[in-house]
Protein backbone atom coordinates (compact mmCIF):
# COMPACT_ATOMS: atom_id res chain seq x y z
CA UNK A 1 133.48 197.97 184.55
CA UNK A 2 134.49 200.32 181.76
CA UNK A 3 132.03 203.17 181.19
CA UNK A 4 131.18 204.23 177.62
CA UNK A 5 130.99 207.97 176.94
CA UNK A 6 129.53 209.00 173.59
CA UNK A 7 131.29 211.53 171.43
CA UNK A 8 128.58 214.13 172.03
CA UNK A 9 128.74 213.63 175.79
CA UNK A 10 132.53 213.93 175.72
CA UNK A 11 132.41 217.17 173.73
CA UNK A 12 129.79 218.71 176.00
CA UNK A 13 131.74 217.75 179.10
CA UNK A 14 135.01 219.14 177.76
CA UNK A 15 133.36 222.40 176.68
CA UNK A 16 131.94 222.78 180.18
CA UNK A 17 135.35 222.13 181.74
CA UNK A 18 136.89 224.70 179.38
CA UNK A 19 134.26 227.33 180.19
CA UNK A 20 132.88 227.38 176.64
CA UNK A 21 129.44 225.84 177.17
CA UNK A 22 127.70 229.19 177.69
CA UNK A 23 126.80 228.54 181.32
CA UNK A 24 128.82 231.46 182.68
CA UNK A 25 126.66 234.46 183.57
CA UNK A 26 127.39 237.82 185.12
CA UNK A 27 130.46 240.03 184.85
CA UNK A 28 133.97 238.60 185.05
CA UNK A 29 135.39 240.62 187.92
CA UNK A 30 138.97 240.27 189.04
CA UNK A 31 138.33 237.39 191.45
CA UNK A 32 136.26 235.53 188.83
CA UNK A 33 139.08 236.08 186.34
CA UNK A 34 141.62 234.54 188.73
CA UNK A 35 139.25 231.61 189.30
CA UNK A 36 138.78 231.13 185.54
CA UNK A 37 142.52 230.89 184.97
CA UNK A 38 142.83 228.45 187.88
CA UNK A 39 140.02 226.36 186.40
CA UNK A 40 141.80 226.26 183.03
CA UNK A 41 145.16 225.65 184.72
CA UNK A 42 147.03 228.17 182.60
CA UNK A 43 146.53 230.57 179.71
CA UNK A 44 149.09 230.58 176.91
CA UNK A 45 150.89 233.80 176.03
CA UNK A 46 151.82 234.48 172.42
CA UNK A 47 153.38 237.49 170.76
CA UNK A 48 151.33 237.45 167.54
CA UNK A 49 148.69 240.19 167.52
CA UNK A 50 146.46 239.77 164.48
CA UNK A 51 143.17 240.30 166.28
CA UNK A 52 144.39 240.44 169.89
CA UNK A 53 147.11 238.64 171.80
CA UNK A 54 146.28 235.03 172.61
CA UNK A 55 145.88 235.34 176.39
CA UNK A 56 143.40 238.20 176.08
CA UNK A 57 141.46 236.42 173.32
CA UNK A 58 141.26 233.17 175.32
CA UNK A 59 139.82 234.95 178.34
CA UNK A 60 137.43 237.07 176.27
CA UNK A 61 136.04 233.86 174.74
CA UNK A 62 134.90 232.90 178.24
CA UNK A 63 133.29 236.26 179.03
CA UNK A 64 132.66 239.41 177.03
CA UNK A 65 133.09 241.36 180.28
CA UNK A 66 136.77 240.36 180.57
CA UNK A 67 138.95 243.40 181.26
CA UNK A 68 142.62 243.40 180.28
CA UNK A 69 143.58 245.65 183.20
CA UNK A 70 142.31 243.05 185.67
CA UNK A 71 144.75 240.51 184.29
CA UNK A 72 147.56 243.06 184.50
CA UNK A 73 146.67 243.78 188.13
CA UNK A 74 146.58 240.10 189.06
CA UNK A 75 150.05 239.57 187.55
CA UNK A 76 151.89 242.80 188.29
CA UNK A 77 150.37 244.05 191.56
CA UNK A 78 148.57 241.23 193.35
CA UNK A 79 151.08 238.50 192.56
CA UNK A 80 148.18 236.07 192.12
CA UNK A 81 149.51 234.91 188.75
CA UNK A 82 153.00 234.41 187.35
CA UNK A 83 154.43 233.77 183.93
CA UNK A 84 156.49 230.72 183.09
CA UNK A 85 156.34 227.62 180.89
CA UNK A 86 153.98 224.72 180.45
CA UNK A 87 154.21 223.49 176.87
CA UNK A 88 154.88 227.13 176.03
CA UNK A 89 154.99 230.50 177.80
CA UNK A 90 151.85 230.78 179.93
CA UNK A 91 150.17 232.70 182.73
CA UNK A 92 149.81 230.39 185.75
CA UNK A 93 148.27 230.75 189.23
CA UNK A 94 151.00 231.63 191.76
CA UNK A 95 149.55 228.97 194.07
CA UNK A 96 151.07 226.45 191.63
CA UNK A 97 154.57 227.89 192.00
CA UNK A 98 155.81 225.22 194.49
CA UNK A 99 155.16 222.54 191.86
CA UNK A 100 157.09 224.50 189.25
CA UNK A 101 160.23 224.16 191.40
CA UNK A 102 160.45 220.60 190.08
CA UNK A 103 160.25 221.91 186.55
CA UNK A 104 163.01 224.45 187.23
CA UNK A 105 165.42 221.75 188.38
CA UNK A 106 164.71 219.64 185.30
CA UNK A 107 165.03 222.62 182.98
CA UNK A 108 168.49 223.46 184.28
CA UNK A 109 169.80 220.19 182.89
CA UNK A 110 167.52 219.97 179.86
CA UNK A 111 168.25 223.46 178.59
CA UNK A 112 171.99 223.05 179.01
CA UNK A 113 171.82 219.82 177.02
CA UNK A 114 169.43 221.14 174.38
CA UNK A 115 171.31 224.39 173.88
CA UNK A 116 174.75 222.81 174.23
CA UNK A 117 176.09 225.07 171.50
CA UNK A 118 175.99 227.93 174.00
CA UNK A 119 174.68 226.84 177.41
CA UNK A 120 176.97 224.82 179.62
CA UNK A 121 180.11 226.73 178.72
CA UNK A 122 182.23 228.47 181.29
CA UNK A 123 181.56 231.78 179.59
CA UNK A 124 177.83 231.33 179.87
CA UNK A 125 178.06 230.63 183.60
CA UNK A 126 179.85 233.96 183.89
CA UNK A 127 176.97 235.58 181.97
CA UNK A 128 174.46 234.08 184.40
CA UNK A 129 176.34 235.45 187.39
CA UNK A 130 176.76 238.87 185.83
CA UNK A 131 173.12 239.26 184.78
CA UNK A 132 171.74 238.00 188.10
CA UNK A 133 174.01 240.35 190.05
CA UNK A 134 173.00 243.31 187.88
CA UNK A 135 169.30 242.76 188.55
CA UNK A 136 169.89 242.13 192.25
CA UNK A 137 171.74 245.44 192.54
CA UNK A 138 169.81 247.60 190.09
CA UNK A 139 166.27 246.23 190.05
CA UNK A 140 164.05 244.98 187.20
CA UNK A 141 165.60 244.96 183.74
CA UNK A 142 164.82 244.20 180.13
CA UNK A 143 167.05 242.52 177.56
CA UNK A 144 167.73 245.87 175.92
CA UNK A 145 169.24 247.15 179.19
CA UNK A 146 172.24 244.89 178.59
CA UNK A 147 174.83 245.47 175.95
CA UNK A 148 176.57 242.66 174.18
CA UNK A 149 177.46 241.38 170.76
CA UNK A 150 175.21 238.81 169.23
CA UNK A 151 176.82 235.35 168.93
CA UNK A 152 178.37 234.72 165.54
CA UNK A 153 176.49 231.40 165.38
CA UNK A 154 173.23 233.29 165.02
CA UNK A 155 171.85 231.26 167.92
CA UNK A 156 168.24 232.54 167.91
CA UNK A 157 169.84 235.91 167.18
CA UNK A 158 170.19 236.50 170.95
CA UNK A 159 173.10 238.27 172.57
CA UNK A 160 174.61 236.45 175.60
CA UNK A 161 172.76 238.57 178.16
CA UNK A 162 169.39 237.81 176.55
CA UNK A 163 170.20 234.10 176.58
CA UNK A 164 171.19 234.37 180.26
CA UNK A 165 167.95 236.19 181.11
CA UNK A 166 165.86 233.50 179.44
CA UNK A 167 167.77 230.70 181.14
CA UNK A 168 167.44 232.30 184.57
CA UNK A 169 163.71 232.85 183.99
CA UNK A 170 163.06 229.34 182.68
CA UNK A 171 164.92 227.85 185.66
CA UNK A 172 163.33 229.97 188.39
CA UNK A 173 165.98 232.45 189.54
CA UNK A 174 164.24 235.29 187.70
CA UNK A 175 160.55 235.97 187.16
CA UNK A 176 158.59 238.30 184.89
CA UNK A 177 157.64 241.37 186.89
CA UNK A 178 155.65 242.91 184.04
CA UNK A 179 155.71 243.48 180.30
CA UNK A 180 156.28 246.74 178.49
CA UNK A 181 155.11 246.72 174.90
CA UNK A 182 155.07 242.95 175.31
CA UNK A 183 158.79 242.97 176.17
CA UNK A 184 159.61 241.04 179.34
CA UNK A 185 160.79 242.90 182.41
CA UNK A 186 162.80 240.49 184.58
CA UNK A 187 163.32 240.66 188.34
CA UNK A 188 164.50 238.38 191.10
CA UNK A 189 161.92 235.71 191.81
CA UNK A 190 161.77 236.61 195.51
CA UNK A 191 160.67 240.12 194.53
CA UNK A 192 157.86 238.85 192.26
CA UNK A 193 156.35 235.66 193.71
CA UNK A 194 154.58 236.15 197.07
CA UNK A 195 156.41 234.58 200.00
CA UNK A 196 153.56 232.23 200.95
CA UNK A 197 153.84 230.54 197.54
CA UNK A 198 157.58 230.88 196.96
CA UNK A 199 158.66 229.36 200.27
CA UNK A 200 156.51 226.24 200.03
CA UNK A 201 158.20 223.04 198.91
CA UNK A 202 156.54 219.86 197.65
CA UNK A 203 158.09 216.38 197.67
CA UNK A 204 158.43 214.52 194.38
CA UNK A 205 155.60 212.01 194.91
CA UNK A 206 153.20 214.76 196.00
CA UNK A 207 154.22 216.80 192.95
CA UNK A 208 153.47 213.90 190.59
CA UNK A 209 150.16 213.18 192.31
CA UNK A 210 149.12 216.83 192.05
CA UNK A 211 150.11 217.14 188.39
CA UNK A 212 148.25 213.96 187.36
CA UNK A 213 145.09 214.69 189.33
CA UNK A 214 144.93 218.32 188.30
CA UNK A 215 145.42 217.38 184.64
CA UNK A 216 142.59 214.83 184.81
CA UNK A 217 140.30 217.32 186.53
CA UNK A 218 140.69 219.67 183.57
CA UNK A 219 140.71 217.05 180.82
CA UNK A 220 137.81 215.02 182.20
CA UNK A 221 139.29 211.80 180.82
CA UNK A 222 142.69 211.20 179.28
CA UNK A 223 145.29 208.69 178.18
CA UNK A 224 148.67 208.43 179.85
CA UNK A 225 150.23 210.63 177.17
CA UNK A 226 147.51 213.28 177.47
CA UNK A 227 148.00 213.43 181.25
CA UNK A 228 151.76 213.87 180.81
CA UNK A 229 151.35 216.50 178.09
CA UNK A 230 148.82 218.71 179.88
CA UNK A 231 151.29 220.64 182.06
CA UNK A 232 154.44 219.39 180.30
CA UNK A 233 155.76 218.74 183.81
CA UNK A 234 155.90 214.94 183.92
CA UNK A 235 157.57 212.11 182.06
CA UNK A 236 155.44 209.24 180.71
CA UNK A 237 157.20 206.95 183.19
CA UNK A 238 156.08 209.09 186.11
CA UNK A 239 152.50 208.99 184.86
CA UNK A 240 152.72 205.21 184.43
CA UNK A 241 153.88 204.82 188.02
CA UNK A 242 151.12 207.11 189.27
CA UNK A 243 148.46 205.17 187.35
CA UNK A 244 149.77 201.90 188.78
CA UNK A 245 149.66 203.28 192.33
CA UNK A 246 146.13 204.62 191.89
CA UNK A 247 144.65 201.91 189.69
CA UNK A 248 141.92 201.06 192.21
CA UNK A 249 140.69 204.66 192.28
CA UNK A 250 140.88 205.48 188.58
CA UNK A 251 137.87 204.74 186.39
CA UNK A 252 138.45 203.26 182.92
CA UNK A 253 136.38 205.12 180.34
CA UNK A 254 135.83 204.40 176.65
CA UNK A 255 135.37 207.67 174.77
CA UNK A 256 133.90 207.61 171.28
CA UNK A 257 135.77 209.41 168.54
CA UNK A 258 134.38 211.27 165.53
CA UNK A 259 134.14 209.29 162.33
CA UNK A 260 134.14 205.57 162.94
CA UNK A 261 133.19 206.16 166.57
CA UNK A 262 135.85 203.72 167.71
CA UNK A 263 136.20 204.26 171.47
CA UNK A 264 139.52 205.25 172.96
CA UNK A 265 140.28 203.89 176.41
CA UNK A 266 141.07 206.64 178.89
CA UNK A 267 141.37 207.16 182.64
CA UNK A 268 139.10 209.37 184.71
CA UNK A 269 138.68 210.37 188.31
CA UNK A 270 135.55 209.13 190.12
CA UNK A 271 132.42 210.98 188.97
CA UNK A 272 133.90 212.32 185.72
CA UNK A 273 132.17 209.82 183.44
CA UNK A 274 128.83 210.44 185.12
CA UNK A 275 129.35 214.20 184.73
CA UNK A 276 130.02 213.70 181.01
CA UNK A 277 126.93 211.54 180.55
CA UNK A 278 124.79 214.16 182.33
CA UNK A 279 126.41 217.21 180.67
CA UNK A 280 123.95 219.88 179.57
CA UNK A 281 123.41 220.99 176.01
CA UNK A 282 125.86 223.68 174.91
CA UNK A 283 124.61 227.17 174.10
CA UNK A 284 124.00 227.57 170.37
CA UNK A 285 126.28 230.48 169.58
CA UNK A 286 129.31 230.92 167.39
CA UNK A 287 132.72 231.47 168.96
CA UNK A 288 135.84 232.45 167.07
CA UNK A 289 138.62 230.95 169.17
CA UNK A 290 142.29 231.73 169.55
CA UNK A 291 144.48 229.12 167.84
CA UNK A 292 145.98 228.62 171.32
CA UNK A 293 142.69 228.09 173.12
CA UNK A 294 142.93 225.31 175.75
CA UNK A 295 140.11 223.46 173.98
CA UNK A 296 142.33 222.95 170.93
CA UNK A 297 145.83 222.93 172.43
CA UNK A 298 146.13 219.16 171.99
CA UNK A 299 145.50 219.05 168.23
CA UNK A 300 145.24 215.26 168.01
CA UNK A 301 142.75 215.09 170.88
CA UNK A 302 140.67 217.89 169.36
CA UNK A 303 140.58 216.04 166.05
CA UNK A 304 139.35 212.84 167.71
CA UNK A 305 136.65 214.61 169.70
CA UNK A 306 135.54 217.30 167.23
CA UNK A 307 136.65 215.89 163.88
CA UNK A 308 138.55 219.13 163.35
CA UNK A 309 142.10 219.06 161.97
CA UNK A 310 143.87 222.32 162.67
CA UNK A 311 147.39 223.56 162.37
CA UNK A 312 148.66 227.08 162.52
CA UNK A 313 150.45 228.03 159.31
CA UNK A 314 152.70 230.84 160.54
CA UNK A 315 155.78 228.73 159.89
CA UNK A 316 154.49 227.19 156.67
CA UNK A 317 155.94 228.83 153.52
CA UNK A 318 153.30 231.10 152.02
CA UNK A 319 153.06 229.12 148.79
CA UNK A 320 152.29 225.95 150.74
CA UNK A 321 149.64 227.36 153.07
CA UNK A 322 146.21 225.83 152.72
CA UNK A 323 144.36 228.66 154.46
CA UNK A 324 146.53 231.53 155.69
CA UNK A 325 149.13 232.97 158.04
CA UNK A 326 146.88 233.13 161.11
CA UNK A 327 143.44 231.56 160.75
CA UNK A 328 141.01 231.18 163.65
CA UNK A 329 138.97 228.07 164.49
CA UNK A 330 135.19 228.63 164.52
CA UNK A 331 132.92 226.77 166.94
CA UNK A 332 129.13 226.68 166.91
CA UNK A 333 127.72 225.14 170.04
CA UNK A 334 129.51 221.83 170.44
CA UNK A 335 130.57 221.56 166.78
CA UNK A 336 133.64 222.86 164.96
CA UNK A 337 132.09 224.50 161.89
CA UNK A 338 135.00 226.13 160.11
CA UNK A 339 137.91 228.54 160.22
CA UNK A 340 138.13 232.23 159.48
CA UNK A 341 140.80 234.65 158.31
CA UNK A 342 140.08 237.90 160.16
CA UNK A 343 142.33 240.76 161.22
CA UNK A 344 141.95 243.98 163.18
CA UNK A 345 143.22 246.64 160.80
CA UNK A 346 143.59 249.48 163.26
CA UNK A 347 144.92 251.92 160.68
CA UNK A 348 141.61 251.70 158.81
CA UNK A 349 139.58 251.18 162.01
CA UNK A 350 138.10 247.93 160.71
CA UNK A 351 137.82 244.26 161.53
CA UNK A 352 138.56 242.82 158.09
CA UNK A 353 137.13 239.40 157.21
CA UNK A 354 139.13 237.92 154.36
CA UNK A 355 137.73 234.39 154.23
CA UNK A 356 135.52 231.88 156.00
CA UNK A 357 135.92 228.19 155.19
CA UNK A 358 133.08 225.98 156.50
CA UNK A 359 133.97 222.42 157.45
CA UNK A 360 132.86 219.61 155.17
CA UNK A 361 129.15 218.97 155.68
CA UNK A 362 128.50 222.37 157.26
CA UNK A 363 125.91 224.40 155.37
CA UNK A 364 126.20 228.17 155.17
CA UNK A 365 122.68 228.61 156.47
CA UNK A 366 121.12 231.93 157.38
CA UNK A 367 121.29 230.95 161.05
CA UNK A 368 125.02 230.21 160.86
CA UNK A 369 125.82 233.43 159.00
CA UNK A 370 123.72 235.43 161.46
CA UNK A 371 125.47 233.90 164.46
CA UNK A 372 128.86 234.38 162.82
CA UNK A 373 128.00 238.04 162.23
CA UNK A 374 127.06 238.45 165.90
CA UNK A 375 130.41 236.97 166.98
CA UNK A 376 132.30 239.25 164.58
CA UNK A 377 130.50 242.21 166.11
CA UNK A 378 131.55 241.07 169.58
CA UNK A 379 135.14 240.73 168.39
CA UNK A 380 134.99 244.16 166.73
CA UNK A 381 134.18 245.76 170.07
CA UNK A 382 136.84 243.68 171.80
CA UNK A 383 139.48 244.72 169.26
CA UNK A 384 138.42 248.36 169.57
CA UNK A 385 137.76 249.07 165.89
CA UNK A 386 134.81 250.86 164.37
CA UNK A 387 133.32 248.47 161.83
CA UNK A 388 133.35 244.98 160.32
CA UNK A 389 134.49 244.90 156.69
CA UNK A 390 134.07 241.88 154.40
CA UNK A 391 136.44 241.34 151.48
CA UNK A 392 134.79 240.33 148.19
CA UNK A 393 134.57 236.55 147.97
CA UNK A 394 135.10 236.03 151.68
CA UNK A 395 132.57 233.19 151.80
CA UNK A 396 134.49 230.14 150.55
């Protein structure tokens, strides 16, 4: 029998799975931080620093006691986390490294095909050998440690050594030992990933089973495409085969969408639908989320569940932007209530609020403005600036 999960139940369950329901208490020490990232599966890394870099912002949204140095220690000293790709560059538990071996093998072929204008040539193979040998002999290196002319094609404006470094990292021969000023420092994988994770190997069927189950555990309920997209490790065909093999175990769930409420048929592991139906009420506080927060990573899914259409407009020409270069989603409890243009202006020691756009039907009540002000104060302390400054006409 298919179980019906209301839209409110689905939102509450997903917020709990994402660590945004307000149930977390106590300080986020280093071990709790590692557990939080494992619970999320990964935390996306992004270079843009308007308020704070995405990975720090995502983790701060789960606990105000998050400390950046703990994340650095877990990655650079403890080896508990490593950096590689899911749908984008991400910080991932090192315990997952054996499963990423399957990704590395696929990436070797995919990247050569995708970047056929440069990868796959005899000259590039020579670059791979040269760069790998240099790091093996001389230790960790950055792209700037290599000299080379940039390709005349303008291919991402990378010189051959930078392209080789990225290929070797994306395919598992190199790993990120640390970052300096957000620049990657590459080293041999065997010198970065702990032996107990690096030496393990997982057969293909076990890899597919792990990826599907772990995606469902974090999504709560999902379609075939959502399962495949979560880690960006699997093909739809592999997910189809896994669903067919596990059909007797999987629970069909109908999840109501926002708007017409038309249910979407999804799959869930046993107990997930019951957990959604029994999910507790979400804490009534405002959260300003990173555009790359796991809650919103799947934009289409977020729109169905929260009625919130969001796209980041960094790559949209300025004249065509609806909101702004880097605008943050705003959540109140279990509802998406708007988006805000806010920036940490460190030269003037201020968190500058340029604009807040409430969603249709959301009233700028005193309670909402008060809770928004409290969240801005939390972000001010997180960003390390002295005051919150509101631009005239910021309330849209």
